[in-house]
PDB file of all heavy atoms in Angstrom:
ATOM      1  N   GLU A   1      -4.631  12.307   7.431  1.00  0.00           N
ATOM      2  CA  GLU A   1      -4.469  12.418   5.972  1.00  0.00           C
ATOM      3  C   GLU A   1      -3.097  12.285   5.527  1.00  0.00           C
ATOM      4  O   GLU A   1      -2.855  11.785   4.441  1.00  0.00           O
ATOM      5  CB  GLU A   1      -4.969  13.847   5.546  1.00  0.00           C
ATOM      6  CG  GLU A   1      -6.488  13.937   5.581  1.00  0.00           C
ATOM      7  CD  GLU A   1      -7.006  15.288   5.077  1.00  0.00           C
ATOM      8  OE1 GLU A   1      -6.490  15.779   4.019  1.00  0.00           O
ATOM      9  OE2 GLU A   1      -7.960  15.908   5.711  1.00  0.00           O
ATOM     10  N   ASP A   2      -2.032  12.726   6.335  1.00  0.00           N
ATOM     11  CA  ASP A   2      -0.674  12.529   5.849  1.00  0.00           C
ATOM     12  C   ASP A   2      -0.317  11.118   5.867  1.00  0.00           C
ATOM     13  O   ASP A   2       0.440  10.709   4.917  1.00  0.00           O
ATOM     14  CB  ASP A   2       0.304  13.381   6.790  1.00  0.00           C
ATOM     15  CG  ASP A   2       0.159  14.885   6.722  1.00  0.00           C
ATOM     16  OD1 ASP A   2      -0.251  15.304   5.616  1.00  0.00           O
ATOM     17  OD2 ASP A   2       0.554  15.554   7.732  1.00  0.00           O
ATOM     18  N   GLN A   3      -0.785  10.368   6.793  1.00  0.00           N
ATOM     19  CA  GLN A   3      -0.477   8.947   6.853  1.00  0.00           C
ATOM     20  C   GLN A   3      -1.017   8.190   5.543  1.00  0.00           C
ATOM     21  O   GLN A   3      -0.401   7.389   4.949  1.00  0.00           O
ATOM     22  CB  GLN A   3      -0.884   8.221   8.078  1.00  0.00           C
ATOM     23  CG  GLN A   3      -0.163   8.588   9.255  1.00  0.00           C
ATOM     24  CD  GLN A   3      -0.797   8.159  10.491  1.00  0.00           C
ATOM     25  OE1 GLN A   3      -2.024   8.252  10.774  1.00  0.00           O
ATOM     26  NE2 GLN A   3      -0.026   7.461  11.420  1.00  0.00           N
ATOM     27  N   LEU A   4      -2.299   8.653   5.302  1.00  0.00           N
ATOM     28  CA  LEU A   4      -2.967   8.102   4.089  1.00  0.00           C
ATOM     29  C   LEU A   4      -2.247   8.457   2.784  1.00  0.00           C
ATOM     30  O   LEU A   4      -1.934   7.625   1.922  1.00  0.00           O
ATOM     31  CB  LEU A   4      -4.397   8.556   3.994  1.00  0.00           C
ATOM     32  CG  LEU A   4      -5.322   7.702   4.924  1.00  0.00           C
ATOM     33  CD1 LEU A   4      -6.747   8.402   4.877  1.00  0.00           C
ATOM     34  CD2 LEU A   4      -5.427   6.301   4.550  1.00  0.00           C
ATOM     35  N   ARG A   5      -1.903   9.806   2.637  1.00  0.00           N
ATOM     36  CA  ARG A   5      -1.272  10.333   1.529  1.00  0.00           C
ATOM     37  C   ARG A   5       0.045   9.654   1.204  1.00  0.00           C
ATOM     38  O   ARG A   5       0.412   9.292   0.101  1.00  0.00           O
ATOM     39  CB  ARG A   5      -1.005  11.833   1.742  1.00  0.00           C
ATOM     40  CG  ARG A   5      -0.576  12.548   0.461  1.00  0.00           C
ATOM     41  CD  ARG A   5      -0.542  14.034   0.597  1.00  0.00           C
ATOM     42  NE  ARG A   5      -1.819  14.587   0.942  1.00  0.00           N
ATOM     43  CZ  ARG A   5      -2.292  14.983   2.142  1.00  0.00           C
ATOM     44  NH1 ARG A   5      -1.484  15.024   3.165  1.00  0.00           N
ATOM     45  NH2 ARG A   5      -3.444  15.450   2.324  1.00  0.00           N
ATOM     46  N   GLU A   6       0.756   9.308   2.320  1.00  0.00           N
ATOM     47  CA  GLU A   6       2.165   8.612   2.136  1.00  0.00           C
ATOM     48  C   GLU A   6       1.927   7.088   2.099  1.00  0.00           C
ATOM     49  O   GLU A   6       2.981   6.335   1.979  1.00  0.00           O
ATOM     50  CB  GLU A   6       2.951   8.971   3.396  1.00  0.00           C
ATOM     51  CG  GLU A   6       3.325  10.450   3.376  1.00  0.00           C
ATOM     52  CD  GLU A   6       3.956  10.883   4.701  1.00  0.00           C
ATOM     53  OE1 GLU A   6       4.255  10.044   5.555  1.00  0.00           O
ATOM     54  OE2 GLU A   6       4.042  12.118   4.944  1.00  0.00           O
ATOM     55  N   LEU A   7       0.647   6.616   2.191  1.00  0.00           N
ATOM     56  CA  LEU A   7       0.300   5.194   2.348  1.00  0.00           C
ATOM     57  C   LEU A   7       1.055   4.445   3.522  1.00  0.00           C
ATOM     58  O   LEU A   7       1.575   3.344   3.282  1.00  0.00           O
ATOM     59  CB  LEU A   7       0.586   4.465   0.957  1.00  0.00           C
ATOM     60  CG  LEU A   7      -0.390   4.876  -0.185  1.00  0.00           C
ATOM     61  CD1 LEU A   7       0.018   4.153  -1.353  1.00  0.00           C
ATOM     62  CD2 LEU A   7      -1.840   4.591   0.141  1.00  0.00           C
ATOM     63  N   HIS A   8       1.283   5.300   4.495  1.00  0.00           N
ATOM     64  CA  HIS A   8       1.924   4.800   5.775  1.00  0.00           C
ATOM     65  C   HIS A   8       0.827   4.385   6.689  1.00  0.00           C
ATOM     66  O   HIS A   8       0.224   5.170   7.354  1.00  0.00           O
ATOM     67  CB  HIS A   8       2.844   5.936   6.409  1.00  0.00           C
ATOM     68  CG  HIS A   8       3.383   5.390   7.666  1.00  0.00           C
ATOM     69  ND1 HIS A   8       4.312   4.452   7.838  1.00  0.00           N
ATOM     70  CD2 HIS A   8       3.008   5.814   8.961  1.00  0.00           C
ATOM     71  CE1 HIS A   8       4.596   4.301   9.066  1.00  0.00           C
ATOM     72  NE2 HIS A   8       3.826   5.086   9.834  1.00  0.00           N
ATOM     73  N   ILE A   9       0.471   3.087   6.687  1.00  0.00           N
ATOM     74  CA  ILE A   9      -0.600   2.547   7.502  1.00  0.00           C
ATOM     75  C   ILE A   9       0.058   1.854   8.708  1.00  0.00           C
ATOM     76  O   ILE A   9       0.618   0.806   8.503  1.00  0.00           O
ATOM     77  CB  ILE A   9      -1.560   1.523   6.692  1.00  0.00           C
ATOM     78  CG1 ILE A   9      -1.868   2.151   5.289  1.00  0.00           C
ATOM     79  CG2 ILE A   9      -2.716   1.164   7.509  1.00  0.00           C
ATOM     80  CD1 ILE A   9      -2.815   3.351   5.364  1.00  0.00           C
ATOM     81  N   PRO A  10      -0.002   2.450   9.752  1.00  0.00           N
ATOM     82  CA  PRO A  10       0.675   1.804  11.036  1.00  0.00           C
ATOM     83  C   PRO A  10       0.018   0.409  11.247  1.00  0.00           C
ATOM     84  O   PRO A  10      -1.203   0.156  10.921  1.00  0.00           O
ATOM     85  CB  PRO A  10       0.249   2.784  12.075  1.00  0.00           C
ATOM     86  CG  PRO A  10       0.024   4.077  11.454  1.00  0.00           C
ATOM     87  CD  PRO A  10      -0.588   3.695  10.199  1.00  0.00           C
ATOM     88  N   GLU A  11       0.775  -0.457  11.842  1.00  0.00           N
ATOM     89  CA  GLU A  11       0.345  -1.772  12.167  1.00  0.00           C
ATOM     90  C   GLU A  11      -0.962  -1.847  12.938  1.00  0.00           C
ATOM     91  O   GLU A  11      -1.717  -2.784  12.770  1.00  0.00           O
ATOM     92  CB  GLU A  11       1.489  -2.567  12.888  1.00  0.00           C
ATOM     93  CG  GLU A  11       1.376  -4.013  12.865  1.00  0.00           C
ATOM     94  CD  GLU A  11       2.653  -4.637  13.498  1.00  0.00           C
ATOM     95  OE1 GLU A  11       3.722  -4.310  12.933  1.00  0.00           O
ATOM     96  OE2 GLU A  11       2.426  -5.573  14.384  1.00  0.00           O
ATOM     97  N   GLU A  12      -1.110  -0.928  13.916  1.00  0.00           N
ATOM     98  CA  GLU A  12      -2.335  -0.896  14.669  1.00  0.00           C
ATOM     99  C   GLU A  12      -3.620  -0.821  13.898  1.00  0.00           C
ATOM    100  O   GLU A  12      -4.708  -1.155  14.264  1.00  0.00           O
ATOM    101  CB  GLU A  12      -2.299   0.101  15.800  1.00  0.00           C
ATOM    102  CG  GLU A  12      -2.353   1.542  15.146  1.00  0.00           C
ATOM    103  CD  GLU A  12      -2.013   2.663  16.088  1.00  0.00           C
ATOM    104  OE1 GLU A  12      -0.824   2.665  16.600  1.00  0.00           O
ATOM    105  OE2 GLU A  12      -2.924   3.364  16.419  1.00  0.00           O
ATOM    106  N   PHE A  13      -3.537  -0.238  12.638  1.00  0.00           N
ATOM    107  CA  PHE A  13      -4.652  -0.080  11.791  1.00  0.00           C
ATOM    108  C   PHE A  13      -4.882  -1.328  10.892  1.00  0.00           C
ATOM    109  O   PHE A  13      -4.778  -1.338   9.717  1.00  0.00           O
ATOM    110  CB  PHE A  13      -4.493   1.141  10.914  1.00  0.00           C
ATOM    111  CG  PHE A  13      -4.516   2.363  11.705  1.00  0.00           C
ATOM    112  CD1 PHE A  13      -3.333   3.119  11.911  1.00  0.00           C
ATOM    113  CD2 PHE A  13      -5.729   2.989  12.179  1.00  0.00           C
ATOM    114  CE1 PHE A  13      -3.432   4.263  12.586  1.00  0.00           C
ATOM    115  CE2 PHE A  13      -5.711   4.213  12.847  1.00  0.00           C
ATOM    116  CZ  PHE A  13      -4.595   4.817  13.107  1.00  0.00           C
ATOM    117  N   TRP A  14      -5.144  -2.414  11.550  1.00  0.00           N
ATOM    118  CA  TRP A  14      -5.092  -3.825  10.877  1.00  0.00           C
ATOM    119  C   TRP A  14      -6.223  -3.773   9.799  1.00  0.00           C
ATOM    120  O   TRP A  14      -5.974  -4.463   8.727  1.00  0.00           O
ATOM    121  CB  TRP A  14      -5.366  -4.853  11.924  1.00  0.00           C
ATOM    122  CG  TRP A  14      -6.548  -4.782  12.729  1.00  0.00           C
ATOM    123  CD1 TRP A  14      -6.746  -4.288  13.982  1.00  0.00           C
ATOM    124  CD2 TRP A  14      -7.817  -5.339  12.353  1.00  0.00           C
ATOM    125  NE1 TRP A  14      -8.038  -4.421  14.413  1.00  0.00           N
ATOM    126  CE2 TRP A  14      -8.742  -5.172  13.465  1.00  0.00           C
ATOM    127  CE3 TRP A  14      -8.338  -6.034  11.272  1.00  0.00           C
ATOM    128  CZ2 TRP A  14     -10.152  -5.451  13.379  1.00  0.00           C
ATOM    129  CZ3 TRP A  14      -9.697  -6.490  11.216  1.00  0.00           C
ATOM    130  CH2 TRP A  14     -10.527  -6.165  12.296  1.00  0.00           C
ATOM    131  N   ALA A  15      -7.406  -3.217  10.042  1.00  0.00           N
ATOM    132  CA  ALA A  15      -8.399  -3.222   9.028  1.00  0.00           C
ATOM    133  C   ALA A  15      -8.027  -2.498   7.738  1.00  0.00           C
ATOM    134  O   ALA A  15      -8.257  -2.971   6.691  1.00  0.00           O
ATOM    135  CB  ALA A  15      -9.738  -2.705   9.597  1.00  0.00           C
ATOM    136  N   LEU A  16      -7.371  -1.367   7.901  1.00  0.00           N
ATOM    137  CA  LEU A  16      -6.897  -0.633   6.753  1.00  0.00           C
ATOM    138  C   LEU A  16      -5.694  -1.360   6.065  1.00  0.00           C
ATOM    139  O   LEU A  16      -5.574  -1.393   4.857  1.00  0.00           O
ATOM    140  CB  LEU A  16      -6.434   0.812   7.106  1.00  0.00           C
ATOM    141  CG  LEU A  16      -7.531   1.809   7.382  1.00  0.00           C
ATOM    142  CD1 LEU A  16      -7.009   3.165   7.939  1.00  0.00           C
ATOM    143  CD2 LEU A  16      -8.444   1.963   6.254  1.00  0.00           C
ATOM    144  N   GLN A  17      -4.965  -2.133   6.886  1.00  0.00           N
ATOM    145  CA  GLN A  17      -3.806  -2.904   6.244  1.00  0.00           C
ATOM    146  C   GLN A  17      -4.409  -4.053   5.441  1.00  0.00           C
ATOM    147  O   GLN A  17      -3.915  -4.353   4.272  1.00  0.00           O
ATOM    148  CB  GLN A  17      -2.936  -3.411   7.379  1.00  0.00           C
ATOM    149  CG  GLN A  17      -1.997  -2.367   7.892  1.00  0.00           C
ATOM    150  CD  GLN A  17      -0.774  -2.874   8.575  1.00  0.00           C
ATOM    151  OE1 GLN A  17      -0.671  -4.190   8.837  1.00  0.00           O
ATOM    152  NE2 GLN A  17       0.190  -2.093   8.845  1.00  0.00           N
ATOM    153  N   ASP A  18      -5.514  -4.632   5.926  1.00  0.00           N
ATOM    154  CA  ASP A  18      -6.183  -5.683   5.303  1.00  0.00           C
ATOM    155  C   ASP A  18      -6.690  -5.095   3.874  1.00  0.00           C
ATOM    156  O   ASP A  18      -6.455  -5.701   2.780  1.00  0.00           O
ATOM    157  CB  ASP A  18      -7.293  -6.276   5.888  1.00  0.00           C
ATOM    158  CG  ASP A  18      -6.890  -7.183   7.104  1.00  0.00           C
ATOM    159  OD1 ASP A  18      -5.669  -7.535   7.206  1.00  0.00           O
ATOM    160  OD2 ASP A  18      -7.797  -7.630   7.832  1.00  0.00           O
ATOM    161  N   LEU A  19      -7.246  -3.970   3.907  1.00  0.00           N
ATOM    162  CA  LEU A  19      -7.747  -3.372   2.717  1.00  0.00           C
ATOM    163  C   LEU A  19      -6.682  -2.946   1.803  1.00  0.00           C
ATOM    164  O   LEU A  19      -6.734  -2.927   0.638  1.00  0.00           O
ATOM    165  CB  LEU A  19      -8.594  -2.067   3.196  1.00  0.00           C
ATOM    166  CG  LEU A  19      -9.442  -1.317   2.163  1.00  0.00           C
ATOM    167  CD1 LEU A  19     -10.426  -2.249   1.561  1.00  0.00           C
ATOM    168  CD2 LEU A  19     -10.096  -0.116   2.733  1.00  0.00           C
ATOM    169  N   GLY A  20      -5.484  -2.570   2.344  1.00  0.00           N
ATOM    170  CA  GLY A  20      -4.372  -2.131   1.693  1.00  0.00           C
ATOM    171  C   GLY A  20      -3.749  -3.279   0.777  1.00  0.00           C
ATOM    172  O   GLY A  20      -2.983  -3.060  -0.124  1.00  0.00           O
ATOM    173  N   LYS A  21      -4.128  -4.501   0.950  1.00  0.00           N
ATOM    174  CA  LYS A  21      -3.731  -5.697   0.124  1.00  0.00           C
ATOM    175  C   LYS A  21      -4.398  -5.646  -1.208  1.00  0.00           C
ATOM    176  O   LYS A  21      -3.927  -6.345  -2.149  1.00  0.00           O
ATOM    177  CB  LYS A  21      -3.908  -6.969   0.827  1.00  0.00           C
ATOM    178  CG  LYS A  21      -3.073  -7.095   2.091  1.00  0.00           C
ATOM    179  CD  LYS A  21      -3.581  -8.308   2.908  1.00  0.00           C
ATOM    180  CE  LYS A  21      -2.731  -8.334   4.250  1.00  0.00           C
ATOM    181  NZ  LYS A  21      -3.293  -9.282   5.176  1.00  0.00           N
ATOM    182  N   HIS A  22      -5.444  -4.891  -1.376  1.00  0.00           N
ATOM    183  CA  HIS A  22      -6.176  -4.769  -2.678  1.00  0.00           C
ATOM    184  C   HIS A  22      -5.282  -4.035  -3.744  1.00  0.00           C
ATOM    185  O   HIS A  22      -4.705  -2.979  -3.420  1.00  0.00           O
ATOM    186  CB  HIS A  22      -7.562  -4.173  -2.555  1.00  0.00           C
ATOM    187  CG  HIS A  22      -8.474  -4.454  -3.686  1.00  0.00           C
ATOM    188  ND1 HIS A  22      -8.324  -3.704  -4.862  1.00  0.00           N
ATOM    189  CD2 HIS A  22      -9.407  -5.294  -3.897  1.00  0.00           C
ATOM    190  CE1 HIS A  22      -9.283  -4.176  -5.760  1.00  0.00           C
ATOM    191  NE2 HIS A  22      -9.859  -5.126  -5.114  1.00  0.00           N
ATOM    192  N   LYS A  23      -5.210  -4.460  -4.917  1.00  0.00           N
ATOM    193  CA  LYS A  23      -4.416  -3.795  -5.905  1.00  0.00           C
ATOM    194  C   LYS A  23      -4.858  -2.486  -6.194  1.00  0.00           C
ATOM    195  O   LYS A  23      -4.068  -1.646  -6.676  1.00  0.00           O
ATOM    196  CB  LYS A  23      -4.540  -4.666  -7.212  1.00  0.00           C
ATOM    197  CG  LYS A  23      -5.917  -4.798  -7.854  1.00  0.00           C
ATOM    198  CD  LYS A  23      -5.831  -5.712  -9.107  1.00  0.00           C
ATOM    199  CE  LYS A  23      -7.309  -5.806  -9.591  1.00  0.00           C
ATOM    200  NZ  LYS A  23      -7.518  -6.747 -10.594  1.00  0.00           N
ATOM    201  N   LEU A  24      -6.130  -2.057  -5.946  1.00  0.00           N
ATOM    202  CA  LEU A  24      -6.589  -0.671  -6.176  1.00  0.00           C
ATOM    203  C   LEU A  24      -6.613   0.157  -4.905  1.00  0.00           C
ATOM    204  O   LEU A  24      -7.169   1.237  -4.976  1.00  0.00           O
ATOM    205  CB  LEU A  24      -8.029  -0.722  -6.775  1.00  0.00           C
ATOM    206  CG  LEU A  24      -8.165  -1.437  -8.196  1.00  0.00           C
ATOM    207  CD1 LEU A  24      -9.549  -1.586  -8.563  1.00  0.00           C
ATOM    208  CD2 LEU A  24      -7.230  -0.702  -9.125  1.00  0.00           C
ATOM    209  N   PHE A  25      -5.958  -0.282  -3.833  1.00  0.00           N
ATOM    210  CA  PHE A  25      -5.970   0.508  -2.564  1.00  0.00           C
ATOM    211  C   PHE A  25      -5.419   1.926  -2.789  1.00  0.00           C
ATOM    212  O   PHE A  25      -5.997   2.955  -2.402  1.00  0.00           O
ATOM    213  CB  PHE A  25      -5.234  -0.281  -1.551  1.00  0.00           C
ATOM    214  CG  PHE A  25      -5.198   0.484  -0.245  1.00  0.00           C
ATOM    215  CD1 PHE A  25      -6.422   0.667   0.471  1.00  0.00           C
ATOM    216  CD2 PHE A  25      -4.088   1.053   0.285  1.00  0.00           C
ATOM    217  CE1 PHE A  25      -6.325   1.290   1.762  1.00  0.00           C
ATOM    218  CE2 PHE A  25      -3.951   1.736   1.503  1.00  0.00           C
ATOM    219  CZ  PHE A  25      -5.173   1.913   2.238  1.00  0.00           C
ATOM    220  N   SER A  26      -4.252   1.991  -3.432  1.00  0.00           N
ATOM    221  CA  SER A  26      -3.612   3.349  -3.593  1.00  0.00           C
ATOM    222  C   SER A  26      -4.617   4.276  -4.489  1.00  0.00           C
ATOM    223  O   SER A  26      -4.614   5.527  -4.099  1.00  0.00           O
ATOM    224  CB  SER A  26      -2.244   3.303  -4.197  1.00  0.00           C
ATOM    225  OG  SER A  26      -2.247   2.762  -5.377  1.00  0.00           O
ATOM    226  N   GLU A  27      -5.244   3.771  -5.377  1.00  0.00           N
ATOM    227  CA  GLU A  27      -6.100   4.618  -6.183  1.00  0.00           C
ATOM    228  C   GLU A  27      -7.342   4.955  -5.367  1.00  0.00           C
ATOM    229  O   GLU A  27      -7.748   6.125  -5.418  1.00  0.00           O
ATOM    230  CB  GLU A  27      -6.573   3.781  -7.423  1.00  0.00           C
ATOM    231  CG  GLU A  27      -7.648   4.575  -8.302  1.00  0.00           C
ATOM    232  CD  GLU A  27      -7.084   5.785  -8.967  1.00  0.00           C
ATOM    233  OE1 GLU A  27      -5.799   6.050  -8.933  1.00  0.00           O
ATOM    234  OE2 GLU A  27      -7.911   6.650  -9.422  1.00  0.00           O
ATOM    235  N   TRP A  28      -7.903   4.034  -4.584  1.00  0.00           N
ATOM    236  CA  TRP A  28      -8.977   4.388  -3.627  1.00  0.00           C
ATOM    237  C   TRP A  28      -8.571   5.463  -2.669  1.00  0.00           C
ATOM    238  O   TRP A  28      -9.351   6.330  -2.332  1.00  0.00           O
ATOM    239  CB  TRP A  28      -9.441   3.060  -2.886  1.00  0.00           C
ATOM    240  CG  TRP A  28     -10.506   3.370  -1.972  1.00  0.00           C
ATOM    241  CD1 TRP A  28     -11.858   3.298  -2.268  1.00  0.00           C
ATOM    242  CD2 TRP A  28     -10.465   3.631  -0.497  1.00  0.00           C
ATOM    243  NE1 TRP A  28     -12.597   3.558  -1.168  1.00  0.00           N
ATOM    244  CE2 TRP A  28     -11.723   3.825  -0.129  1.00  0.00           C
ATOM    245  CE3 TRP A  28      -9.357   3.828   0.340  1.00  0.00           C
ATOM    246  CZ2 TRP A  28     -12.077   4.168   1.213  1.00  0.00           C
ATOM    247  CZ3 TRP A  28      -9.658   4.155   1.627  1.00  0.00           C
ATOM    248  CH2 TRP A  28     -10.919   4.292   2.053  1.00  0.00           C
ATOM    249  N   VAL A  29      -7.364   5.371  -2.116  1.00  0.00           N
ATOM    250  CA  VAL A  29      -6.965   6.362  -1.129  1.00  0.00           C
ATOM    251  C   VAL A  29      -6.859   7.732  -1.862  1.00  0.00           C
ATOM    252  O   VAL A  29      -7.207   8.750  -1.253  1.00  0.00           O
ATOM    253  CB  VAL A  29      -5.587   6.036  -0.516  1.00  0.00           C
ATOM    254  CG1 VAL A  29      -4.880   7.167   0.114  1.00  0.00           C
ATOM    255  CG2 VAL A  29      -5.750   4.851   0.459  1.00  0.00           C
ATOM    256  N   ARG A  30      -6.325   7.752  -3.073  1.00  0.00           N
ATOM    257  CA  ARG A  30      -6.176   8.950  -3.837  1.00  0.00           C
ATOM    258  C   ARG A  30      -7.633   9.624  -3.994  1.00  0.00           C
ATOM    259  O   ARG A  30      -7.717  10.880  -3.700  1.00  0.00           O
ATOM    260  CB  ARG A  30      -5.612   8.713  -5.239  1.00  0.00           C
ATOM    261  CG  ARG A  30      -5.248  10.017  -6.005  1.00  0.00           C
ATOM    262  CD  ARG A  30      -4.867   9.716  -7.388  1.00  0.00           C
ATOM    263  NE  ARG A  30      -5.960   9.188  -8.190  1.00  0.00           N
ATOM    264  CZ  ARG A  30      -7.032   9.928  -8.620  1.00  0.00           C
ATOM    265  NH1 ARG A  30      -7.183  11.159  -8.398  1.00  0.00           N
ATOM    266  NH2 ARG A  30      -7.947   9.302  -9.378  1.00  0.00           N
ATOM    267  N   MET A  31      -8.579   8.819  -4.366  1.00  0.00           N
ATOM    268  CA  MET A  31      -9.957   9.328  -4.524  1.00  0.00           C
ATOM    269  C   MET A  31     -10.594   9.775  -3.140  1.00  0.00           C
ATOM    270  O   MET A  31     -11.244  10.823  -3.138  1.00  0.00           O
ATOM    271  CB  MET A  31     -10.751   8.225  -5.219  1.00  0.00           C
ATOM    272  CG  MET A  31     -10.510   8.068  -6.651  1.00  0.00           C
ATOM    273  SD  MET A  31     -11.641   6.986  -7.498  1.00  0.00           S
ATOM    274  CE  MET A  31     -11.832   5.589  -6.483  1.00  0.00           C
TER     275      MET A  31
END
């Protein structure tokens, strides 16, 4: 949860990094 809260997505989490390219990613993480 801490990594998500800080939007610190390690490189090994490639699928989440792909998702993180979406403009609404930070809002989605917040929800």
